[in-house]
Amino acid sequence: MSVVTVEKEVGASLVEEVDRLREEKNAVILAHYYQEPEIQDIADHVGDSLELARWAAETTADVIVFAGVKFMAETAKILNPQKKVLLPDMEAGCSLSDGCPPSEFRKFLDEHPGHVVVTYVNCSVEVKAMSDYICTSSNAEMVIDSIPKERPIIFAPDQNLGKYLIRKTGRQMVLWEGSCMVHEAFSIDKLLKLHAEHPDAEIIAHPESEQHVLKVAGFIGSTAGMIRHVNSSKAEKFIVATEAGILHRMQKDVPEKLLIPAPAAEENTCSCSECGFMKMNTMEKLYRCLKDERPEVVLDEDLRKQALVPMLRCLEFKPKP
């Protein structure tokens, strides 16, 4: 069903209907920076994984609509067992989470006994339940630094973030060989050519990117960290190496600055790197899930309790603003 058809059916714009339903159902809409602009604009809170987890933990709403991907909605449910958590499209997955099947991860842990298990939030509830700590790109370095130096560490599922943390912390870690398809899509040759065309532009990158991209970056940080940097930097031009959806929020904050998406190796609609999973959510689907209160995220209670322990540890680590 098209957006036009839905608007005709409800007799008002989708935005007006979402606003009405949100108030009627005491619902909160959380959206990741990688969502479509219209979803970011209607959300109550827009943030990165850590910010969204904190808002999910603190909300007084009865219903949480999570405009993101499945592992994010699962995280909200881990923190809010009594609340109804909805995801506009249950097929909105994540290459990192999908690339770390729980059964295979269990075998991996059995092969490396005695290790502290640190997993990136981009993983399933089953993998979270096997972890000692959960981290996000905003607080990963703090989490690693908190672990006694004599304790060996397993880091999963993002090997690129893991390699970055090894360089930053000096800690050797056993890495699960997973990666984000969005952040591995950048072409270093195209990036260097683009920088040659804009030599005064600063390259900023997410630590999920490959090492050759991080080596040429002037700033490396989480999505929220990249936004803060663009706001505070004296630079007037930036080449942004992360999912292109972040540019919407960035440009709203700094309309006077030039923001250029880092080029992907393969051409697509914008020649940038976009997450197909994130873009599965639409305004129509958001309206439908709020109206019908489904798809709903439902977790096994024992599994949820196991995953809650490392998730609460994650929230203890607050990066500097």
C-alpha atoms as a PDB file:
ATOM      1  CA  MET A   1       0.000   0.000   0.000  1.00  0.00           C
ATOM      2  CA  SER A   2       1.424   3.390  -0.950  1.00  0.00           C
ATOM      3  CA  VAL A   3       1.773   6.346   1.400  1.00  0.00           C
ATOM      4  CA  VAL A   4      -0.856   8.193  -0.625  1.00  0.00           C
ATOM      5  CA  THR A   5      -3.314   5.308  -0.158  1.00  0.00           C
ATOM      6  CA  VAL A   6      -2.709   5.200   3.578  1.00  0.00           C
ATOM      7  CA  GLU A   7      -3.180   8.957   3.875  1.00  0.00           C
ATOM      8  CA  LYS A   8      -6.492   8.707   2.013  1.00  0.00           C
ATOM      9  CA  GLU A   9      -7.589   5.824   4.268  1.00  0.00           C
ATOM     10  CA  VAL A  10      -6.938   7.634   7.528  1.00  0.00           C
ATOM     11  CA  GLY A  11      -8.204  10.963   6.227  1.00  0.00           C
ATOM     12  CA  ALA A  12      -5.155  12.909   7.372  1.00  0.00           C
ATOM     13  CA  SER A  13      -1.441  13.044   6.852  1.00  0.00           C
ATOM     14  CA  LEU A  14       0.701  10.257   8.257  1.00  0.00           C
ATOM     15  CA  VAL A  15       2.456  12.730  10.511  1.00  0.00           C
ATOM     16  CA  GLU A  16      -0.818  13.892  12.049  1.00  0.00           C
ATOM     17  CA  GLU A  17      -2.007  10.320  12.536  1.00  0.00           C
ATOM     18  CA  VAL A  18       1.275   9.218  14.107  1.00  0.00           C
ATOM     19  CA  ASP A  19       1.111  12.195  16.464  1.00  0.00           C
ATOM     20  CA  ARG A  20      -2.468  11.318  17.411  1.00  0.00           C
ATOM     21  CA  LEU A  21      -1.689   7.648  18.017  1.00  0.00           C
ATOM     22  CA  ARG A  22       1.465   8.487  19.956  1.00  0.00           C
ATOM     23  CA  GLU A  23      -0.534  10.594  22.405  1.00  0.00           C
ATOM     24  CA  GLU A  24      -3.458   8.176  22.552  1.00  0.00           C
ATOM     25  CA  LYS A  25      -1.265   5.174  23.323  1.00  0.00           C
ATOM     26  CA  ASN A  26       1.319   6.983  25.488  1.00  0.00           C
ATOM     27  CA  ALA A  27       3.997   5.900  23.044  1.00  0.00           C
ATOM     28  CA  VAL A  28       7.527   7.134  22.438  1.00  0.00           C
ATOM     29  CA  ILE A  29       9.281   6.925  19.065  1.00  0.00           C
ATOM     30  CA  LEU A  30      13.031   6.291  19.147  1.00  0.00           C
ATOM     31  CA  ALA A  31      14.975   6.591  15.899  1.00  0.00           C
ATOM     32  CA  HIS A  32      18.565   5.960  14.923  1.00  0.00           C
ATOM     33  CA  TYR A  33      20.569   8.545  13.000  1.00  0.00           C
ATOM     34  CA  TYR A  34      20.566   6.195   9.997  1.00  0.00           C
ATOM     35  CA  GLN A  35      16.786   6.304   9.529  1.00  0.00           C
ATOM     36  CA  GLU A  36      15.098   8.190   6.699  1.00  0.00           C
ATOM     37  CA  PRO A  37      14.851  11.969   7.340  1.00  0.00           C
ATOM     38  CA  GLU A  38      11.054  11.964   7.757  1.00  0.00           C
ATOM     39  CA  ILE A  39      11.302   9.331  10.493  1.00  0.00           C
ATOM     40  CA  GLN A  40      14.062  11.245  12.280  1.00  0.00           C
ATOM     41  CA  ASP A  41      11.933  14.389  12.137  1.00  0.00           C
ATOM     42  CA  ILE A  42       8.896  12.774  13.761  1.00  0.00           C
ATOM     43  CA  ALA A  43      10.807  10.846  16.442  1.00  0.00           C
ATOM     44  CA  ASP A  44      10.792  11.880  20.100  1.00  0.00           C
ATOM     45  CA  HIS A  45      14.487  11.016  20.363  1.00  0.00           C
ATOM     46  CA  VAL A  46      17.133  10.501  17.677  1.00  0.00           C
ATOM     47  CA  GLY A  47      20.493   9.092  18.676  1.00  0.00           C
ATOM     48  CA  ASP A  48      23.174   6.431  18.430  1.00  0.00           C
ATOM     49  CA  SER A  49      22.921   3.003  20.046  1.00  0.00           C
ATOM     50  CA  LEU A  50      24.043   4.151  23.502  1.00  0.00           C
ATOM     51  CA  GLU A  51      21.823   7.246  23.552  1.00  0.00           C
ATOM     52  CA  LEU A  52      18.820   5.229  22.418  1.00  0.00           C
ATOM     53  CA  ALA A  53      19.483   2.543  25.035  1.00  0.00           C
ATOM     54  CA  ARG A  54      19.541   5.209  27.758  1.00  0.00           C
ATOM     55  CA  TRP A  55      16.287   6.776  26.545  1.00  0.00           C
ATOM     56  CA  ALA A  56      14.696   3.320  26.372  1.00  0.00           C
ATOM     57  CA  ALA A  57      15.768   2.614  29.948  1.00  0.00           C
ATOM     58  CA  GLU A  58      14.427   5.926  31.237  1.00  0.00           C
ATOM     59  CA  THR A  59      11.151   6.332  29.341  1.00  0.00           C
ATOM     60  CA  THR A  60       7.825   6.446  31.150  1.00  0.00           C
ATOM     61  CA  ALA A  61       5.911   5.601  27.969  1.00  0.00           C
ATOM     62  CA  ASP A  62       3.780   2.456  27.801  1.00  0.00           C
ATOM     63  CA  VAL A  63       4.777   1.711  24.204  1.00  0.00           C
ATOM     64  CA  ILE A  64       8.202   2.048  22.582  1.00  0.00           C
ATOM     65  CA  VAL A  65       8.308   2.256  18.795  1.00  0.00           C
ATOM     66  CA  PHE A  66      11.895   1.609  17.785  1.00  0.00           C
ATOM     67  CA  ALA A  67      12.712   2.953  14.336  1.00  0.00           C
ATOM     68  CA  GLY A  68      15.981   1.113  13.895  1.00  0.00           C
ATOM     69  CA  VAL A  69      16.987  -2.497  13.445  1.00  0.00           C
ATOM     70  CA  LYS A  70      16.067  -5.653  15.344  1.00  0.00           C
ATOM     71  CA  PHE A  71      18.964  -5.785  17.808  1.00  0.00           C
ATOM     72  CA  MET A  72      18.144  -2.219  18.919  1.00  0.00           C
ATOM     73  CA  ALA A  73      14.507  -3.071  19.568  1.00  0.00           C
ATOM     74  CA  GLU A  74      15.621  -6.193  21.447  1.00  0.00           C
ATOM     75  CA  THR A  75      17.860  -4.006  23.597  1.00  0.00           C
ATOM     76  CA  ALA A  76      14.896  -1.786  24.446  1.00  0.00           C
ATOM     77  CA  LYS A  77      12.894  -4.873  25.465  1.00  0.00           C
ATOM     78  CA  ILE A  78      15.798  -6.196  27.577  1.00  0.00           C
ATOM     79  CA  LEU A  79      15.660  -2.944  29.535  1.00  0.00           C
ATOM     80  CA  ASN A  80      11.847  -2.662  29.599  1.00  0.00           C
ATOM     81  CA  PRO A  81      10.213  -6.058  30.147  1.00  0.00           C
ATOM     82  CA  GLN A  82       6.882  -4.520  31.159  1.00  0.00           C
ATOM     83  CA  LYS A  83       6.589  -2.218  28.151  1.00  0.00           C
ATOM     84  CA  LYS A  84       5.389  -3.059  24.663  1.00  0.00           C
ATOM     85  CA  VAL A  85       8.264  -2.666  22.187  1.00  0.00           C
ATOM     86  CA  LEU A  86       7.393  -2.392  18.498  1.00  0.00           C
ATOM     87  CA  LEU A  87       9.606  -2.534  15.402  1.00  0.00           C
ATOM     88  CA  PRO A  88       8.146  -1.212  12.132  1.00  0.00           C
ATOM     89  CA  ASP A  89       9.762  -4.036  10.128  1.00  0.00           C
ATOM     90  CA  MET A  90      10.893  -7.207  11.917  1.00  0.00           C
ATOM     91  CA  GLU A  91      13.072  -8.084   8.921  1.00  0.00           C
ATOM     92  CA  ALA A  92      15.284  -5.043   9.594  1.00  0.00           C
ATOM     93  CA  GLY A  93      18.401  -6.922  10.660  1.00  0.00           C
ATOM     94  CA  CYS A  94      22.118  -6.160  10.867  1.00  0.00           C
ATOM     95  CA  SER A  95      25.072  -7.747   9.077  1.00  0.00           C
ATOM     96  CA  LEU A  96      27.075  -7.765  12.323  1.00  0.00           C
ATOM     97  CA  SER A  97      24.331  -9.453  14.320  1.00  0.00           C
ATOM     98  CA  ASP A  98      23.473 -11.871  11.505  1.00  0.00           C
ATOM     99  CA  GLY A  99      27.159 -12.721  11.110  1.00  0.00           C
ATOM    100  CA  CYS A 100      27.438 -13.935  14.703  1.00  0.00           C
ATOM    101  CA  PRO A 101      25.042 -16.886  15.099  1.00  0.00           C
ATOM    102  CA  PRO A 102      24.584 -17.793  18.793  1.00  0.00           C
ATOM    103  CA  SER A 103      25.423 -21.495  18.308  1.00  0.00           C
ATOM    104  CA  GLU A 104      28.693 -20.663  16.543  1.00  0.00           C
ATOM    105  CA  PHE A 105      29.535 -17.988  19.094  1.00  0.00           C
ATOM    106  CA  ARG A 106      29.059 -20.517  21.901  1.00  0.00           C
ATOM    107  CA  LYS A 107      31.576 -22.828  20.216  1.00  0.00           C
ATOM    108  CA  PHE A 108      33.962 -19.883  19.839  1.00  0.00           C
ATOM    109  CA  LEU A 109      33.729 -19.137  23.567  1.00  0.00           C
ATOM    110  CA  ASP A 110      34.304 -22.799  24.419  1.00  0.00           C
ATOM    111  CA  GLU A 111      37.489 -22.692  22.331  1.00  0.00           C
ATOM    112  CA  HIS A 112      38.749 -19.708  24.367  1.00  0.00           C
ATOM    113  CA  PRO A 113      37.944 -20.471  28.021  1.00  0.00           C
ATOM    114  CA  GLY A 114      38.765 -17.995  30.781  1.00  0.00           C
ATOM    115  CA  HIS A 115      38.270 -14.869  28.655  1.00  0.00           C
ATOM    116  CA  VAL A 116      36.221 -11.817  29.576  1.00  0.00           C
ATOM    117  CA  VAL A 117      33.582 -11.559  26.858  1.00  0.00           C
ATOM    118  CA  VAL A 118      32.917  -8.063  25.517  1.00  0.00           C
ATOM    119  CA  THR A 119      30.361  -7.767  22.762  1.00  0.00           C
ATOM    120  CA  TYR A 120      29.374  -4.787  20.686  1.00  0.00           C
ATOM    121  CA  VAL A 121      25.705  -3.880  21.068  1.00  0.00           C
ATOM    122  CA  ASN A 122      25.180  -4.878  17.412  1.00  0.00           C
ATOM    123  CA  CYS A 123      24.403  -8.493  18.320  1.00  0.00           C
ATOM    124  CA  SER A 124      21.428 -10.691  19.153  1.00  0.00           C
ATOM    125  CA  VAL A 125      19.907 -11.071  22.610  1.00  0.00           C
ATOM    126  CA  GLU A 126      21.302 -14.626  22.682  1.00  0.00           C
ATOM    127  CA  VAL A 127      24.867 -13.359  22.161  1.00  0.00           C
ATOM    128  CA  LYS A 128      24.340 -10.585  24.710  1.00  0.00           C
ATOM    129  CA  ALA A 129      23.290 -13.240  27.223  1.00  0.00           C
ATOM    130  CA  MET A 130      26.688 -14.971  26.776  1.00  0.00           C
ATOM    131  CA  SER A 131      28.589 -11.739  27.419  1.00  0.00           C
ATOM    132  CA  ASP A 132      30.220 -10.193  30.457  1.00  0.00           C
ATOM    133  CA  TYR A 133      30.038  -6.659  29.048  1.00  0.00           C
ATOM    134  CA  ILE A 134      28.123  -4.946  26.273  1.00  0.00           C
ATOM    135  CA  CYS A 135      29.626  -1.824  24.704  1.00  0.00           C
ATOM    136  CA  THR A 136      28.827   0.693  22.002  1.00  0.00           C
ATOM    137  CA  SER A 137      31.248   2.629  19.844  1.00  0.00           C
ATOM    138  CA  SER A 138      30.737   5.552  22.246  1.00  0.00           C
ATOM    139  CA  ASN A 139      31.986   3.736  25.349  1.00  0.00           C
ATOM    140  CA  ALA A 140      33.920   0.702  24.041  1.00  0.00           C
ATOM    141  CA  GLU A 141      37.329   2.122  24.955  1.00  0.00           C
ATOM    142  CA  MET A 142      36.130   2.849  28.505  1.00  0.00           C
ATOM    143  CA  VAL A 143      34.805  -0.702  28.871  1.00  0.00           C
ATOM    144  CA  ILE A 144      38.071  -2.274  27.692  1.00  0.00           C
ATOM    145  CA  ASP A 145      40.150  -0.013  29.953  1.00  0.00           C
ATOM    146  CA  SER A 146      38.053  -1.067  32.974  1.00  0.00           C
ATOM    147  CA  ILE A 147      38.990  -4.742  32.633  1.00  0.00           C
ATOM    148  CA  PRO A 148      42.078  -5.806  34.671  1.00  0.00           C
ATOM    149  CA  LYS A 149      45.105  -6.045  32.385  1.00  0.00           C
ATOM    150  CA  GLU A 150      45.830  -9.627  33.381  1.00  0.00           C
ATOM    151  CA  ARG A 151      42.418 -10.791  32.104  1.00  0.00           C
ATOM    152  CA  PRO A 152      42.323 -11.990  28.465  1.00  0.00           C
ATOM    153  CA  ILE A 153      39.469 -10.557  26.388  1.00  0.00           C
ATOM    154  CA  ILE A 154      37.243 -11.790  23.586  1.00  0.00           C
ATOM    155  CA  PHE A 155      35.719  -9.003  21.493  1.00  0.00           C
ATOM    156  CA  ALA A 156      32.836  -9.623  19.114  1.00  0.00           C
ATOM    157  CA  PRO A 157      31.311  -9.337  16.596  1.00  0.00           C
ATOM    158  CA  ASP A 158      33.028  -6.386  14.814  1.00  0.00           C
ATOM    159  CA  GLN A 159      36.665  -7.104  13.996  1.00  0.00           C
ATOM    160  CA  ASN A 160      37.244  -3.602  12.608  1.00  0.00           C
ATOM    161  CA  LEU A 161      36.117  -1.967  15.832  1.00  0.00           C
ATOM    162  CA  GLY A 162      38.133  -4.599  17.701  1.00  0.00           C
ATOM    163  CA  LYS A 163      41.321  -3.766  15.788  1.00  0.00           C
ATOM    164  CA  TYR A 164      40.743  -0.076  16.435  1.00  0.00           C
ATOM    165  CA  LEU A 165      40.348  -0.746  20.165  1.00  0.00           C
ATOM    166  CA  ILE A 166      43.542  -2.829  20.228  1.00  0.00           C
ATOM    167  CA  ARG A 167      45.428   0.151  18.818  1.00  0.00           C
ATOM    168  CA  LYS A 168      43.733   2.619  21.192  1.00  0.00           C
ATOM    169  CA  THR A 169      44.015   0.599  24.415  1.00  0.00           C
ATOM    170  CA  GLY A 170      47.114  -1.507  23.795  1.00  0.00           C
ATOM    171  CA  ARG A 171      45.160  -4.587  24.876  1.00  0.00           C
ATOM    172  CA  GLN A 172      45.473  -7.756  22.850  1.00  0.00           C
ATOM    173  CA  MET A 173      42.079  -9.345  22.230  1.00  0.00           C
ATOM    174  CA  VAL A 174      40.716 -12.407  20.498  1.00  0.00           C
ATOM    175  CA  LEU A 175      38.421 -11.097  17.764  1.00  0.00           C
ATOM    176  CA  TRP A 176      35.350 -12.632  16.193  1.00  0.00           C
ATOM    177  CA  GLU A 177      35.662 -12.150  12.434  1.00  0.00           C
ATOM    178  CA  GLY A 178      32.575 -10.077  11.728  1.00  0.00           C
ATOM    179  CA  SER A 179      32.094  -6.732  10.012  1.00  0.00           C
ATOM    180  CA  CYS A 180      29.505  -4.129   9.050  1.00  0.00           C
ATOM    181  CA  MET A 181      28.634  -4.222   5.371  1.00  0.00           C
ATOM    182  CA  VAL A 182      27.980  -0.472   5.381  1.00  0.00           C
ATOM    183  CA  HIS A 183      31.339   0.508   6.817  1.00  0.00           C
ATOM    184  CA  GLU A 184      33.257  -1.964   4.653  1.00  0.00           C
ATOM    185  CA  ALA A 185      31.685  -0.528   1.515  1.00  0.00           C
ATOM    186  CA  PHE A 186      33.831   2.605   1.364  1.00  0.00           C
ATOM    187  CA  SER A 187      36.294   2.831  -1.513  1.00  0.00           C
ATOM    188  CA  ILE A 188      39.666   4.120  -0.328  1.00  0.00           C
ATOM    189  CA  ASP A 189      40.636   5.061  -3.890  1.00  0.00           C
ATOM    190  CA  LYS A 190      37.458   7.092  -4.400  1.00  0.00           C
ATOM    191  CA  LEU A 191      37.834   8.583  -0.926  1.00  0.00           C
ATOM    192  CA  LEU A 192      41.370   9.794  -1.637  1.00  0.00           C
ATOM    193  CA  LYS A 193      40.295  11.161  -5.025  1.00  0.00           C
ATOM    194  CA  LEU A 194      37.397  13.002  -3.380  1.00  0.00           C
ATOM    195  CA  HIS A 195      39.741  14.424  -0.745  1.00  0.00           C
ATOM    196  CA  ALA A 196      42.090  15.612  -3.503  1.00  0.00           C
ATOM    197  CA  GLU A 197      39.131  17.527  -4.951  1.00  0.00           C
ATOM    198  CA  HIS A 198      38.383  18.990  -1.488  1.00  0.00           C
ATOM    199  CA  PRO A 199      41.793  19.228   0.209  1.00  0.00           C
ATOM    200  CA  ASP A 200      40.407  21.539   2.906  1.00  0.00           C
ATOM    201  CA  ALA A 201      37.795  18.965   3.972  1.00  0.00           C
ATOM    202  CA  GLU A 202      38.394  16.914   7.102  1.00  0.00           C
ATOM    203  CA  ILE A 203      37.747  13.172   6.799  1.00  0.00           C
ATOM    204  CA  ILE A 204      35.769  11.826   9.749  1.00  0.00           C
ATOM    205  CA  ALA A 205      35.020   8.119  10.157  1.00  0.00           C
ATOM    206  CA  HIS A 206      33.206   5.603  12.300  1.00  0.00           C
ATOM    207  CA  PRO A 207      35.498   2.995  13.953  1.00  0.00           C
ATOM    208  CA  GLU A 208      33.558   0.194  12.250  1.00  0.00           C
ATOM    209  CA  SER A 209      35.340   1.266   9.050  1.00  0.00           C
ATOM    210  CA  GLU A 210      38.317  -0.646   7.703  1.00  0.00           C
ATOM    211  CA  GLN A 211      41.817   0.308   8.808  1.00  0.00           C
ATOM    212  CA  HIS A 212      42.817   1.965   5.520  1.00  0.00           C
ATOM    213  CA  VAL A 213      39.893   4.387   5.927  1.00  0.00           C
ATOM    214  CA  LEU A 214      40.687   5.070   9.590  1.00  0.00           C
ATOM    215  CA  LYS A 215      44.333   5.797   8.728  1.00  0.00           C
ATOM    216  CA  VAL A 216      43.351   8.789   6.580  1.00  0.00           C
ATOM    217  CA  ALA A 217      40.680  10.092   8.956  1.00  0.00           C
ATOM    218  CA  GLY A 218      41.300  13.256  10.949  1.00  0.00           C
ATOM    219  CA  PHE A 219      38.648  12.237  13.479  1.00  0.00           C
ATOM    220  CA  ILE A 220      37.302   8.798  14.458  1.00  0.00           C
ATOM    221  CA  GLY A 221      34.200   8.449  16.593  1.00  0.00           C
ATOM    222  CA  SER A 222      30.724   7.077  17.143  1.00  0.00           C
ATOM    223  CA  THR A 223      27.791   8.561  15.264  1.00  0.00           C
ATOM    224  CA  ALA A 224      27.035  10.864  18.206  1.00  0.00           C
ATOM    225  CA  GLY A 225      30.732  11.680  18.517  1.00  0.00           C
ATOM    226  CA  MET A 226      30.950  12.591  14.841  1.00  0.00           C
ATOM    227  CA  ILE A 227      27.986  14.943  15.190  1.00  0.00           C
ATOM    228  CA  ARG A 228      29.557  16.636  18.214  1.00  0.00           C
ATOM    229  CA  HIS A 229      32.850  17.000  16.344  1.00  0.00           C
ATOM    230  CA  VAL A 230      31.264  18.610  13.299  1.00  0.00           C
ATOM    231  CA  ASN A 231      29.459  21.031  15.629  1.00  0.00           C
ATOM    232  CA  SER A 232      32.598  22.034  17.539  1.00  0.00           C
ATOM    233  CA  SER A 233      35.231  21.907  14.795  1.00  0.00           C
ATOM    234  CA  LYS A 234      36.425  25.082  13.099  1.00  0.00           C
ATOM    235  CA  ALA A 235      36.568  23.216   9.788  1.00  0.00           C
ATOM    236  CA  GLU A 236      33.972  24.207   7.207  1.00  0.00           C
ATOM    237  CA  LYS A 237      34.047  21.023   5.096  1.00  0.00           C
ATOM    238  CA  PHE A 238      33.811  17.356   6.085  1.00  0.00           C
ATOM    239  CA  ILE A 239      33.915  14.061   4.241  1.00  0.00           C
ATOM    240  CA  VAL A 240      31.780  11.748   6.356  1.00  0.00           C
ATOM    241  CA  ALA A 241      32.584   8.021   6.389  1.00  0.00           C
ATOM    242  CA  THR A 242      29.564   6.397   7.953  1.00  0.00           C
ATOM    243  CA  GLU A 243      25.999   5.606   6.882  1.00  0.00           C
ATOM    244  CA  ALA A 244      24.675   8.540   4.888  1.00  0.00           C
ATOM    245  CA  GLY A 245      21.564   8.950   7.031  1.00  0.00           C
ATOM    246  CA  ILE A 246      23.624  10.819   9.624  1.00  0.00           C
ATOM    247  CA  LEU A 247      23.987  13.758   7.242  1.00  0.00           C
ATOM    248  CA  HIS A 248      20.377  14.807   7.841  1.00  0.00           C
ATOM    249  CA  ARG A 249      20.963  15.547  11.524  1.00  0.00           C
ATOM    250  CA  MET A 250      24.433  16.978  10.908  1.00  0.00           C
ATOM    251  CA  GLN A 251      23.200  19.416   8.294  1.00  0.00           C
ATOM    252  CA  LYS A 252      20.406  20.608  10.577  1.00  0.00           C
ATOM    253  CA  ASP A 253      23.012  21.392  13.233  1.00  0.00           C
ATOM    254  CA  VAL A 254      25.511  23.071  10.889  1.00  0.00           C
ATOM    255  CA  PRO A 255      23.624  24.344   7.813  1.00  0.00           C
ATOM    256  CA  GLU A 256      26.528  26.625   6.936  1.00  0.00           C
ATOM    257  CA  LYS A 257      29.031  23.753   6.580  1.00  0.00           C
ATOM    258  CA  LEU A 258      29.615  21.465   3.598  1.00  0.00           C
ATOM    259  CA  LEU A 259      29.069  17.785   4.385  1.00  0.00           C
ATOM    260  CA  ILE A 260      30.121  15.241   1.761  1.00  0.00           C
ATOM    261  CA  PRO A 261      29.285  11.519   2.101  1.00  0.00           C
ATOM    262  CA  ALA A 262      32.289   9.237   1.671  1.00  0.00           C
ATOM    263  CA  PRO A 263      31.977   7.295  -1.596  1.00  0.00           C
ATOM    264  CA  ALA A 264      31.095   3.612  -1.717  1.00  0.00           C
ATOM    265  CA  ALA A 265      32.914   1.160  -3.941  1.00  0.00           C
ATOM    266  CA  GLU A 266      29.693   0.270  -5.768  1.00  0.00           C
ATOM    267  CA  GLU A 267      27.411   2.891  -7.215  1.00  0.00           C
ATOM    268  CA  ASN A 268      23.930   3.239  -5.726  1.00  0.00           C
ATOM    269  CA  THR A 269      21.317   5.965  -5.623  1.00  0.00           C
ATOM    270  CA  CYS A 270      23.581   8.455  -3.871  1.00  0.00           C
ATOM    271  CA  SER A 271      27.043   6.928  -4.517  1.00  0.00           C
ATOM    272  CA  CYS A 272      27.386   6.753  -0.715  1.00  0.00           C
ATOM    273  CA  SER A 273      27.108   3.880   1.728  1.00  0.00           C
ATOM    274  CA  GLU A 274      23.593   3.191   2.974  1.00  0.00           C
ATOM    275  CA  CYS A 275      22.215   0.456   5.235  1.00  0.00           C
ATOM    276  CA  GLY A 276      19.452  -1.392   3.432  1.00  0.00           C
ATOM    277  CA  PHE A 277      18.234  -2.782   6.753  1.00  0.00           C
ATOM    278  CA  MET A 278      17.849   0.675   8.310  1.00  0.00           C
ATOM    279  CA  LYS A 279      16.007   1.901   5.243  1.00  0.00           C
ATOM    280  CA  MET A 280      13.450  -0.928   5.486  1.00  0.00           C
ATOM    281  CA  ASN A 281      11.535   1.202   7.982  1.00  0.00           C
ATOM    282  CA  THR A 282       9.186   3.721   6.368  1.00  0.00           C
ATOM    283  CA  MET A 283       6.649   6.246   7.602  1.00  0.00           C
ATOM    284  CA  GLU A 284       3.867   3.954   6.401  1.00  0.00           C
ATOM    285  CA  LYS A 285       5.260   1.013   8.370  1.00  0.00           C
ATOM    286  CA  LEU A 286       5.782   3.194  11.429  1.00  0.00           C
ATOM    287  CA  TYR A 287       2.168   4.315  11.279  1.00  0.00           C
ATOM    288  CA  ARG A 288       0.927   0.766  10.787  1.00  0.00           C
ATOM    289  CA  CYS A 289       2.930  -0.688  13.679  1.00  0.00           C
ATOM    290  CA  LEU A 290       1.754   2.053  16.030  1.00  0.00           C
ATOM    291  CA  LYS A 291      -1.861   1.651  14.897  1.00  0.00           C
ATOM    292  CA  ASP A 292      -1.903  -2.169  15.101  1.00  0.00           C
ATOM    293  CA  GLU A 293       0.722  -2.457  17.890  1.00  0.00           C
ATOM    294  CA  ARG A 294       2.709  -5.004  15.945  1.00  0.00           C
ATOM    295  CA  PRO A 295       5.209  -6.386  15.053  1.00  0.00           C
ATOM    296  CA  GLU A 296       6.014  -6.695  18.761  1.00  0.00           C
ATOM    297  CA  VAL A 297       9.388  -7.764  20.149  1.00  0.00           C
ATOM    298  CA  VAL A 298       8.918 -10.681  22.547  1.00  0.00           C
ATOM    299  CA  LEU A 299      11.861 -12.240  24.416  1.00  0.00           C
ATOM    300  CA  ASP A 300      12.257 -15.359  26.527  1.00  0.00           C
ATOM    301  CA  GLU A 301      12.318 -14.082  30.113  1.00  0.00           C
ATOM    302  CA  ASP A 302      15.290 -16.168  31.286  1.00  0.00           C
ATOM    303  CA  LEU A 303      17.282 -15.060  28.247  1.00  0.00           C
ATOM    304  CA  ARG A 304      16.288 -11.443  28.811  1.00  0.00           C
ATOM    305  CA  LYS A 305      17.474 -11.561  32.427  1.00  0.00           C
ATOM    306  CA  GLN A 306      20.832 -12.979  31.375  1.00  0.00           C
ATOM    307  CA  ALA A 307      21.278 -10.271  28.737  1.00  0.00           C
ATOM    308  CA  LEU A 308      20.191  -7.560  31.174  1.00  0.00           C
ATOM    309  CA  VAL A 309      23.283  -7.993  33.383  1.00  0.00           C
ATOM    310  CA  PRO A 310      25.901  -6.990  30.752  1.00  0.00           C
ATOM    311  CA  MET A 311      23.522  -4.406  29.289  1.00  0.00           C
ATOM    312  CA  LEU A 312      23.236  -2.596  32.625  1.00  0.00           C
ATOM    313  CA  ARG A 313      27.031  -2.657  32.881  1.00  0.00           C
ATOM    314  CA  CYS A 314      27.146  -0.947  29.493  1.00  0.00           C
ATOM    315  CA  LEU A 315      24.966   1.901  30.740  1.00  0.00           C
ATOM    316  CA  GLU A 316      27.370   2.527  33.641  1.00  0.00           C
ATOM    317  CA  PHE A 317      30.006   3.756  31.195  1.00  0.00           C
ATOM    318  CA  LYS A 318      29.086   7.296  30.197  1.00  0.00           C
ATOM    319  CA  PRO A 319      31.296   8.949  27.571  1.00  0.00           C
ATOM    320  CA  LYS A 320      32.218  12.572  28.071  1.00  0.00           C
ATOM    321  CA  PRO A 321      29.840  14.999  26.299  1.00  0.00           C
END
